[in-house]
Amino acid sequence: MNYEFFIAKRIIGNKSYKSSVSAPIIKIGIAAIAISIVVMLIAIATGIGLEHKIRDKAVAFNGHITISNFDSNESEAAQVPVSKNQDFYPKFESVDGVSHIQAVANKFGIIRTNSDFEGLFLKGVGTDYDWRYFKDFLIDGRLPEYSQKYSNEVLISKYLADRLGFVVGDRFQMYFMKSDSSKPPSIMKYAVVGIFNSGFEELDKTYIIGDINHVQRLNKWSKDQVGGFEVFITNYNDLERLGDRVYAQTPSTLNSMTVKQKYATIFEWIPIFTTNIYGIIGIMILVGAINMITALLVLILERTQMIGILKALGSSNWSIRKLFLYNASYLIASGLFWGNLIGIGLLLIQKQFQLITLDPSVYYVTVAPVYLDWSYVVLLNVMTFALCLLMLLIPSFLISKIVPVKAIQFE
């Protein structure tokens, strides 16, 4: 054990040190570090959590990449059919990283009840549909079961269920306009077997999930014709690269679009969270470091006589600076400990009990999401500790200005 660490340890364990003039300032410094860590943890966990939730919800309704006919206009109500007889379907084996592909088709219709009506899309899906996202969204009932035969089972959102007064087991009629407006609309009857709540209000109020056979029949398509394909990938971070590869592997008559391109406005808004996180981290580290600098200066001034004696005994300036940096390291570590304990505790409470809610029309989620990953927790602590300690090197230079003779005589 080096003597600097030994003396620093004795100073920290000294009772008179805990009741000294500097004690309140030291406590404020520790509290500042703790509060900074709490704020940074909450900012990162909720910021990344919100980004992941919005991203996953957009993917749930559209896949990571959509493939459709180049002739389709901007409206999903006017889909041009695509043949299912494609080289990339039912398995997209030509592109590594694609986990699943499914055929879908949309048809605009109007749900009419005795007291209300709602215009929306019937999203037709088949036996190849991946329900993994909607399993997490399901809040009542069950998921529909589809086969080659026609099924009238549908999955609707909580938003629509509340608006139209539907519960699981209810039946309703949906009206679909024909291409010839002079003819009466087609009427289909459906049964609600499940209710989901993604919290993404923009999509919840736009779609109900039904049998693709109905859409094909309403559009007078053959069984081999669909509205398009949804492609899922294994790693979202590869979205842009795989999006380009999927586009290159599709026929010239088909177009592919990533979920970021389809919902450009939403995904341009998401990076704001990252910018805010960086800003909060910078400010909080600066606040914590300034408080620790103040505490270290007070410690040095309070122990001027001790510094003079150590210099008189032959200690170098760097040796004495190390002593106080050891002391400051203990204070930073104390702040980090309490900050992590409180911050992670609050995040776990929010994750478990979902106490803080958000407006889905603004944030696309109903509760504040929490994303906890030990990698960023450890990195944040190491970075905070290192930066604070580096900033403390500046006030430690004050030690070199202390003259032993004057310091020992100081009363």
Protein backbone atom coordinates (compact mmCIF):
# COMPACT_ATOMS: atom_id res chain seq x y z
CA MET A 1 0.00 0.00 0.00
CA ASN A 2 1.49 3.39 -1.01
CA TYR A 3 1.59 6.05 1.64
CA GLU A 4 -0.64 8.50 -0.30
CA PHE A 5 -3.47 5.99 -0.31
CA PHE A 6 -2.80 5.15 3.36
CA ILE A 7 -3.07 8.80 4.43
CA ALA A 8 -6.15 9.39 2.24
CA LYS A 9 -7.81 6.39 3.86
CA ARG A 10 -7.01 7.69 7.35
CA ILE A 11 -8.42 11.13 6.46
CA ILE A 12 -11.66 9.62 5.15
CA GLY A 13 -12.09 7.44 8.23
CA ASN A 14 -11.30 10.26 10.66
CA LYS A 15 -14.35 11.32 12.71
CA SER A 16 -13.17 14.92 12.92
CA TYR A 17 -13.10 14.96 9.10
CA LYS A 18 -16.81 14.09 9.03
CA SER A 19 -17.67 16.92 11.38
CA SER A 20 -15.29 19.50 9.89
CA VAL A 21 -16.15 22.76 8.14
CA SER A 22 -15.84 21.04 4.76
CA ALA A 23 -18.30 18.24 5.65
CA PRO A 24 -21.47 20.00 4.33
CA ILE A 25 -19.70 20.99 1.10
CA ILE A 26 -18.46 17.42 0.63
CA LYS A 27 -21.98 16.10 1.14
CA ILE A 28 -23.28 18.56 -1.45
CA GLY A 29 -20.62 17.36 -3.89
CA ILE A 30 -21.59 13.72 -3.36
CA ALA A 31 -25.27 14.63 -3.75
CA ALA A 32 -24.51 16.49 -6.99
CA ILE A 33 -22.77 13.43 -8.45
CA ALA A 34 -25.66 11.19 -7.31
CA ILE A 35 -28.33 13.48 -8.80
CA SER A 36 -26.35 13.76 -12.04
CA ILE A 37 -26.19 9.97 -12.40
CA VAL A 38 -29.92 9.63 -11.65
CA VAL A 39 -30.82 12.21 -14.30
CA MET A 40 -28.46 10.68 -16.88
CA LEU A 41 -29.72 7.13 -16.28
CA ILE A 42 -33.34 8.23 -16.61
CA ALA A 43 -32.59 10.25 -19.76
CA ILE A 44 -30.76 7.37 -21.46
CA ALA A 45 -33.16 4.61 -20.37
CA THR A 46 -36.32 6.48 -21.36
CA GLY A 47 -34.83 8.03 -24.51
CA ILE A 48 -33.59 4.71 -25.90
CA GLY A 49 -36.73 2.97 -24.64
CA LEU A 50 -38.97 5.44 -26.46
CA GLU A 51 -36.94 5.08 -29.64
CA HIS A 52 -37.15 1.27 -29.52
CA LYS A 53 -40.89 1.26 -28.76
CA ILE A 54 -41.80 3.60 -31.61
CA ARG A 55 -39.57 1.66 -33.98
CA ASP A 56 -40.99 -1.73 -32.97
CA LYS A 57 -44.57 -0.52 -33.34
CA ALA A 58 -43.98 0.82 -36.82
CA VAL A 59 -42.31 -2.49 -37.73
CA ALA A 60 -45.23 -4.48 -36.27
CA PHE A 61 -47.66 -2.93 -38.77
CA ASN A 62 -45.38 -2.80 -41.82
CA GLY A 63 -42.33 -5.00 -41.36
CA HIS A 64 -38.81 -3.62 -41.66
CA ILE A 65 -39.09 -3.43 -45.45
CA THR A 66 -42.18 -3.40 -47.67
CA ILE A 67 -42.26 -4.60 -51.26
CA SER A 68 -45.06 -3.41 -53.55
CA ASN A 69 -45.83 -2.67 -57.17
CA PHE A 70 -44.16 0.38 -58.71
CA ASP A 71 -47.53 1.35 -60.15
CA SER A 72 -49.08 1.84 -56.71
CA ASN A 73 -49.87 5.45 -55.90
CA GLU A 74 -49.41 7.04 -52.49
CA SER A 75 -52.78 5.79 -51.27
CA GLU A 76 -52.97 2.32 -49.78
CA ALA A 77 -56.59 2.23 -50.89
CA ALA A 78 -55.48 1.82 -54.50
CA GLN A 79 -53.08 -1.11 -54.33
CA VAL A 80 -52.02 -2.72 -57.60
CA PRO A 81 -51.82 -6.49 -57.15
CA VAL A 82 -48.48 -8.29 -57.03
CA SER A 83 -48.05 -11.94 -57.92
CA LYS A 84 -47.00 -14.26 -55.10
CA ASN A 85 -44.93 -16.23 -57.60
CA GLN A 86 -41.67 -14.45 -56.82
CA ASP A 87 -38.17 -15.87 -56.38
CA PHE A 88 -37.94 -14.24 -52.95
CA TYR A 89 -41.21 -15.72 -51.65
CA PRO A 90 -41.95 -17.59 -49.38
CA LYS A 91 -38.27 -17.43 -48.26
CA PHE A 92 -35.94 -14.55 -49.03
CA GLU A 93 -32.83 -16.71 -49.17
CA SER A 94 -30.85 -14.47 -51.53
CA VAL A 95 -30.28 -11.87 -48.77
CA ASP A 96 -28.56 -12.85 -45.52
CA GLY A 97 -30.14 -11.19 -42.52
CA VAL A 98 -33.77 -11.55 -43.64
CA SER A 99 -35.67 -13.56 -41.03
CA HIS A 100 -39.19 -13.66 -42.50
CA ILE A 101 -41.35 -12.48 -45.38
CA GLN A 102 -45.15 -12.40 -45.48
CA ALA A 103 -47.81 -11.47 -48.02
CA VAL A 104 -50.41 -8.82 -47.11
CA ALA A 105 -53.14 -6.76 -48.76
CA ASN A 106 -55.14 -3.72 -47.65
CA LYS A 107 -58.71 -2.70 -48.44
CA PHE A 108 -60.35 0.51 -47.32
CA GLY A 109 -63.80 0.17 -45.79
CA ILE A 110 -66.26 1.70 -43.36
CA ILE A 111 -67.46 0.11 -40.12
CA ARG A 112 -71.01 1.15 -39.36
CA THR A 113 -72.86 0.73 -36.09
CA ASN A 114 -76.26 1.96 -34.93
CA SER A 115 -74.75 5.15 -33.53
CA ASP A 116 -71.40 5.68 -35.24
CA PHE A 117 -69.16 4.81 -38.16
CA GLU A 118 -65.41 4.68 -38.80
CA GLY A 119 -63.36 4.58 -42.01
CA LEU A 120 -60.22 2.43 -41.90
CA PHE A 121 -58.19 -0.27 -43.63
CA LEU A 122 -58.79 -3.99 -43.37
CA LYS A 123 -55.29 -5.39 -43.42
CA GLY A 124 -55.52 -8.85 -44.91
CA VAL A 125 -53.03 -11.45 -43.67
CA GLY A 126 -52.68 -15.15 -44.22
CA THR A 127 -51.14 -18.31 -42.83
CA ASP A 128 -47.61 -16.92 -43.26
CA TYR A 129 -48.24 -13.92 -40.98
CA ASP A 130 -45.86 -13.48 -38.04
CA TRP A 131 -47.90 -12.61 -34.92
CA ARG A 132 -44.96 -12.10 -32.54
CA TYR A 133 -45.46 -8.32 -32.21
CA PHE A 134 -49.23 -8.52 -31.78
CA LYS A 135 -48.80 -11.12 -29.05
CA ASP A 136 -47.24 -8.36 -26.96
CA PHE A 137 -49.97 -5.87 -27.92
CA LEU A 138 -52.90 -8.22 -27.20
CA ILE A 139 -54.90 -7.10 -24.15
CA ASP A 140 -58.11 -9.10 -24.54
CA GLY A 141 -59.29 -12.21 -26.38
CA ARG A 142 -57.00 -14.15 -28.70
CA LEU A 143 -55.23 -13.83 -32.02
CA PRO A 144 -57.21 -14.77 -35.18
CA GLU A 145 -56.61 -18.13 -36.82
CA TYR A 146 -56.44 -18.16 -40.60
CA SER A 147 -56.19 -20.99 -43.13
CA GLN A 148 -56.91 -21.40 -46.83
CA LYS A 149 -60.63 -21.14 -46.05
CA TYR A 150 -62.45 -17.86 -45.47
CA SER A 151 -62.51 -16.60 -41.89
CA ASN A 152 -64.53 -13.70 -40.47
CA GLU A 153 -62.30 -13.34 -37.37
CA VAL A 154 -60.66 -9.94 -36.93
CA LEU A 155 -58.33 -8.24 -34.49
CA ILE A 156 -59.13 -4.62 -33.64
CA SER A 157 -57.38 -1.96 -31.59
CA LYS A 158 -58.50 -0.73 -28.18
CA TYR A 159 -58.84 2.74 -29.71
CA LEU A 160 -61.46 1.47 -32.18
CA ALA A 161 -63.12 -0.82 -29.64
CA ASP A 162 -63.65 2.10 -27.26
CA ARG A 163 -64.78 4.41 -30.03
CA LEU A 164 -67.28 1.96 -31.51
CA GLY A 165 -68.27 0.22 -28.28
CA PHE A 166 -66.96 -3.22 -29.30
CA VAL A 167 -65.93 -6.04 -26.99
CA VAL A 168 -64.56 -9.50 -27.73
CA GLY A 169 -67.31 -11.62 -29.26
CA ASP A 170 -69.15 -8.72 -30.92
CA ARG A 171 -70.03 -8.88 -34.62
CA PHE A 172 -70.22 -5.97 -37.03
CA GLN A 173 -70.64 -5.10 -40.68
CA MET A 174 -68.02 -3.41 -42.84
CA TYR A 175 -68.84 -1.68 -46.12
CA PHE A 176 -66.43 -1.70 -49.06
CA MET A 177 -66.93 0.53 -52.09
CA LYS A 178 -66.66 -1.02 -55.54
CA SER A 179 -64.63 0.40 -58.42
CA ASP A 180 -67.92 1.20 -60.12
CA SER A 181 -69.41 3.83 -57.81
CA SER A 182 -72.85 3.32 -59.32
CA LYS A 183 -73.05 -0.14 -57.77
CA PRO A 184 -73.92 -0.69 -54.08
CA PRO A 185 -71.01 -1.40 -51.72
CA SER A 186 -70.01 -4.90 -50.69
CA ILE A 187 -70.98 -5.78 -47.12
CA MET A 188 -68.88 -8.18 -45.04
CA LYS A 189 -69.61 -9.45 -41.56
CA TYR A 190 -66.82 -9.87 -39.04
CA ALA A 191 -66.42 -11.14 -35.48
CA VAL A 192 -64.07 -9.53 -32.95
CA VAL A 193 -61.87 -12.27 -31.46
CA GLY A 194 -59.17 -10.06 -29.96
CA ILE A 195 -58.35 -6.50 -28.97
CA PHE A 196 -54.83 -5.07 -29.11
CA ASN A 197 -53.27 -1.85 -27.92
CA SER A 198 -49.96 -0.85 -29.49
CA GLY A 199 -50.16 2.69 -28.11
CA PHE A 200 -49.30 3.95 -31.60
CA GLU A 201 -52.56 5.83 -32.08
CA GLU A 202 -51.84 6.81 -35.67
CA LEU A 203 -51.75 3.13 -36.67
CA ASP A 204 -54.25 1.80 -34.10
CA LYS A 205 -57.00 3.93 -35.60
CA THR A 206 -56.02 3.06 -39.18
CA TYR A 207 -56.02 -0.75 -39.30
CA ILE A 208 -57.94 -3.83 -38.27
CA ILE A 209 -56.37 -7.21 -38.98
CA GLY A 210 -58.43 -9.69 -41.02
CA ASP A 211 -58.28 -12.55 -43.52
CA ILE A 212 -56.42 -11.83 -46.77
CA ASN A 213 -58.90 -14.07 -48.59
CA HIS A 214 -61.58 -11.40 -48.07
CA VAL A 215 -59.40 -8.67 -49.58
CA GLN A 216 -58.59 -10.85 -52.58
CA ARG A 217 -62.27 -11.58 -53.13
CA LEU A 218 -63.33 -7.95 -52.69
CA ASN A 219 -60.69 -6.81 -55.19
CA LYS A 220 -61.51 -9.70 -57.52
CA TRP A 221 -57.94 -10.95 -57.32
CA SER A 222 -56.79 -14.53 -57.73
CA LYS A 223 -55.31 -16.50 -54.82
CA ASP A 224 -51.83 -15.75 -56.21
CA GLN A 225 -52.30 -11.98 -56.09
CA VAL A 226 -51.54 -9.85 -53.03
CA GLY A 227 -51.07 -6.18 -52.23
CA GLY A 228 -47.40 -6.54 -51.32
CA PHE A 229 -44.88 -8.18 -49.03
CA GLU A 230 -43.50 -7.32 -45.61
CA VAL A 231 -39.90 -8.29 -44.90
CA PHE A 232 -38.44 -8.71 -41.41
CA ILE A 233 -34.73 -8.64 -40.64
CA THR A 234 -32.74 -10.00 -37.70
CA ASN A 235 -30.85 -6.81 -36.82
CA TYR A 236 -32.44 -3.37 -37.08
CA ASN A 237 -29.00 -1.72 -37.24
CA ASP A 238 -28.56 -3.32 -40.69
CA LEU A 239 -31.81 -1.79 -42.00
CA GLU A 240 -30.33 0.57 -44.57
CA ARG A 241 -27.81 -1.94 -45.89
CA LEU A 242 -30.37 -4.76 -46.13
CA GLY A 243 -32.93 -2.36 -47.58
CA ASP A 244 -30.56 -1.69 -50.49
CA ARG A 245 -29.88 -5.39 -50.95
CA VAL A 246 -33.58 -6.28 -50.92
CA TYR A 247 -34.23 -3.58 -53.50
CA ALA A 248 -31.46 -4.99 -55.69
CA GLN A 249 -32.89 -8.52 -55.42
CA THR A 250 -36.46 -7.59 -56.39
CA PRO A 251 -37.71 -7.41 -60.00
CA SER A 252 -37.63 -4.07 -61.80
CA THR A 253 -41.43 -3.87 -61.66
CA LEU A 254 -41.41 -3.91 -57.84
CA ASN A 255 -40.32 -1.26 -55.38
CA SER A 256 -39.03 -1.74 -51.83
CA MET A 257 -39.15 0.77 -49.00
CA THR A 258 -37.73 0.63 -45.50
CA VAL A 259 -39.88 1.53 -42.50
CA LYS A 260 -37.71 4.64 -42.01
CA GLN A 261 -38.53 5.79 -45.52
CA LYS A 262 -42.23 5.03 -45.16
CA TYR A 263 -42.56 6.94 -41.89
CA ALA A 264 -39.86 9.53 -42.58
CA THR A 265 -41.47 12.20 -40.40
CA ILE A 266 -41.56 9.97 -37.33
CA PHE A 267 -38.05 8.60 -37.80
CA GLU A 268 -36.64 12.09 -38.35
CA TRP A 269 -38.18 13.09 -35.02
CA ILE A 270 -36.61 10.14 -33.13
CA PRO A 271 -32.96 11.37 -33.37
CA ILE A 272 -33.96 14.37 -31.28
CA PHE A 273 -33.95 11.99 -28.30
CA THR A 274 -30.30 11.15 -28.94
CA THR A 275 -29.37 14.83 -29.18
CA ASN A 276 -31.20 15.55 -25.92
CA ILE A 277 -29.48 12.63 -24.20
CA TYR A 278 -26.03 13.89 -25.18
CA GLY A 279 -26.93 17.37 -24.00
CA ILE A 280 -28.21 16.13 -20.63
CA ILE A 281 -25.14 13.94 -20.09
CA GLY A 282 -22.81 16.86 -20.83
CA ILE A 283 -24.62 19.25 -18.52
CA MET A 284 -24.94 16.77 -15.66
CA ILE A 285 -21.28 15.74 -15.77
CA LEU A 286 -20.30 19.41 -15.79
CA VAL A 287 -22.52 20.17 -12.79
CA GLY A 288 -21.20 17.20 -10.84
CA ALA A 289 -17.56 18.02 -11.69
CA ILE A 290 -17.92 21.68 -10.66
CA ASN A 291 -19.32 20.64 -7.29
CA MET A 292 -16.47 18.17 -6.80
CA ILE A 293 -13.91 20.85 -7.74
CA THR A 294 -15.41 23.09 -5.06
CA ALA A 295 -15.24 20.27 -2.50
CA LEU A 296 -11.61 19.50 -3.39
CA LEU A 297 -10.57 23.15 -3.08
CA VAL A 298 -12.14 23.32 0.38
CA LEU A 299 -10.37 20.10 1.37
CA ILE A 300 -7.01 21.49 0.22
CA LEU A 301 -7.50 24.82 2.01
CA GLU A 302 -8.67 23.06 5.17
CA ARG A 303 -5.53 20.90 5.27
CA THR A 304 -2.97 23.53 4.35
CA GLN A 305 -0.91 22.78 7.48
CA MET A 306 -0.83 19.07 6.71
CA ILE A 307 0.34 19.83 3.16
CA GLY A 308 3.12 22.04 4.55
CA ILE A 309 4.27 19.32 6.95
CA LEU A 310 4.29 16.68 4.18
CA LYS A 311 6.32 18.99 1.94
CA ALA A 312 8.75 19.66 4.79
CA LEU A 313 9.18 15.90 5.21
CA GLY A 314 10.14 15.60 1.54
CA SER A 315 6.86 14.77 -0.21
CA SER A 316 6.62 16.00 -3.81
CA ASN A 317 3.77 18.09 -5.12
CA TRP A 318 2.51 15.20 -7.28
CA SER A 319 2.58 12.85 -4.28
CA ILE A 320 0.40 15.21 -2.25
CA ARG A 321 -1.88 15.79 -5.25
CA LYS A 322 -2.36 12.02 -5.51
CA LEU A 323 -3.39 11.96 -1.85
CA PHE A 324 -6.21 14.43 -2.47
CA LEU A 325 -7.18 12.78 -5.74
CA TYR A 326 -7.57 9.49 -3.85
CA ASN A 327 -9.80 11.34 -1.42
CA ALA A 328 -11.82 12.87 -4.26
CA SER A 329 -12.11 9.46 -5.96
CA TYR A 330 -13.78 8.11 -2.83
CA LEU A 331 -16.28 10.98 -2.88
CA ILE A 332 -17.05 10.47 -6.60
CA ALA A 333 -17.47 6.72 -6.05
CA SER A 334 -19.87 7.43 -3.16
CA GLY A 335 -21.95 9.69 -5.38
CA LEU A 336 -21.97 7.09 -8.17
CA PHE A 337 -23.08 4.37 -5.76
CA TRP A 338 -26.06 6.31 -4.42
CA GLY A 339 -26.93 7.67 -7.85
CA ASN A 340 -27.01 4.20 -9.40
CA LEU A 341 -28.97 2.80 -6.49
CA ILE A 342 -31.65 5.49 -6.74
CA GLY A 343 -31.66 5.80 -10.54
CA ILE A 344 -31.85 2.10 -11.35
CA GLY A 345 -34.39 1.64 -8.57
CA LEU A 346 -36.69 4.32 -10.05
CA LEU A 347 -36.32 2.83 -13.54
CA LEU A 348 -37.17 -0.67 -12.32
CA ILE A 349 -40.25 0.68 -10.53
CA GLN A 350 -41.40 2.42 -13.73
CA LYS A 351 -40.71 -0.69 -15.80
CA GLN A 352 -42.67 -2.90 -13.43
CA PHE A 353 -45.59 -0.66 -12.45
CA GLN A 354 -45.71 1.84 -15.37
CA LEU A 355 -46.55 4.77 -13.09
CA ILE A 356 -45.66 7.55 -15.55
CA THR A 357 -47.99 7.76 -18.55
CA LEU A 358 -47.61 9.72 -21.78
CA ASP A 359 -49.96 11.16 -24.39
CA PRO A 360 -49.94 8.65 -27.30
CA SER A 361 -50.96 11.35 -29.78
CA VAL A 362 -47.64 13.10 -29.08
CA TYR A 363 -45.20 10.35 -28.04
CA TYR A 364 -46.80 7.31 -29.79
CA VAL A 365 -46.73 5.37 -26.50
CA THR A 366 -49.08 5.27 -23.52
CA VAL A 367 -46.45 4.84 -20.79
CA ALA A 368 -42.86 6.05 -20.42
CA PRO A 369 -40.81 3.08 -21.69
CA VAL A 370 -37.63 1.95 -19.95
CA TYR A 371 -34.66 0.31 -21.66
CA LEU A 372 -32.07 -1.03 -19.20
CA ASP A 373 -28.79 -2.41 -20.48
CA TRP A 374 -25.81 -2.95 -18.19
CA SER A 375 -23.37 -2.00 -20.95
CA TYR A 376 -24.48 1.64 -21.04
CA VAL A 377 -24.82 1.77 -17.23
CA VAL A 378 -21.20 0.65 -16.80
CA LEU A 379 -19.98 2.94 -19.61
CA LEU A 380 -21.81 5.92 -18.10
CA ASN A 381 -20.27 5.32 -14.67
CA VAL A 382 -16.76 4.85 -16.03
CA MET A 383 -17.05 7.96 -18.20
CA THR A 384 -18.44 10.09 -15.35
CA PHE A 385 -15.74 8.91 -12.94
CA ALA A 386 -12.94 9.49 -15.45
CA LEU A 387 -14.10 12.95 -16.57
CA CYS A 388 -14.71 14.19 -13.03
CA LEU A 389 -11.28 12.96 -11.94
CA LEU A 390 -9.59 14.61 -14.93
CA MET A 391 -11.29 17.90 -14.14
CA LEU A 392 -10.07 17.63 -10.53
CA LEU A 393 -6.47 17.73 -11.74
CA ILE A 394 -6.89 21.47 -12.32
CA PRO A 395 -7.62 22.54 -8.69
CA SER A 396 -5.02 20.09 -7.40
CA PHE A 397 -2.35 22.37 -8.90
CA LEU A 398 -3.09 24.70 -5.96
CA ILE A 399 -0.95 22.38 -3.83
CA SER A 400 2.20 23.42 -5.72
CA LYS A 401 1.58 27.04 -4.67
CA ILE A 402 1.64 26.24 -0.95
CA VAL A 403 4.96 27.18 0.74
CA PRO A 404 5.85 24.79 3.65
CA VAL A 405 7.13 27.52 6.02
CA LYS A 406 4.02 29.68 5.68
CA ALA A 407 1.69 26.68 5.74
CA ILE A 408 3.07 25.25 8.98
CA GLN A 409 2.81 28.65 10.69
CA PHE A 410 -0.78 29.08 9.45
CA GLU A 411 -3.34 29.25 12.25
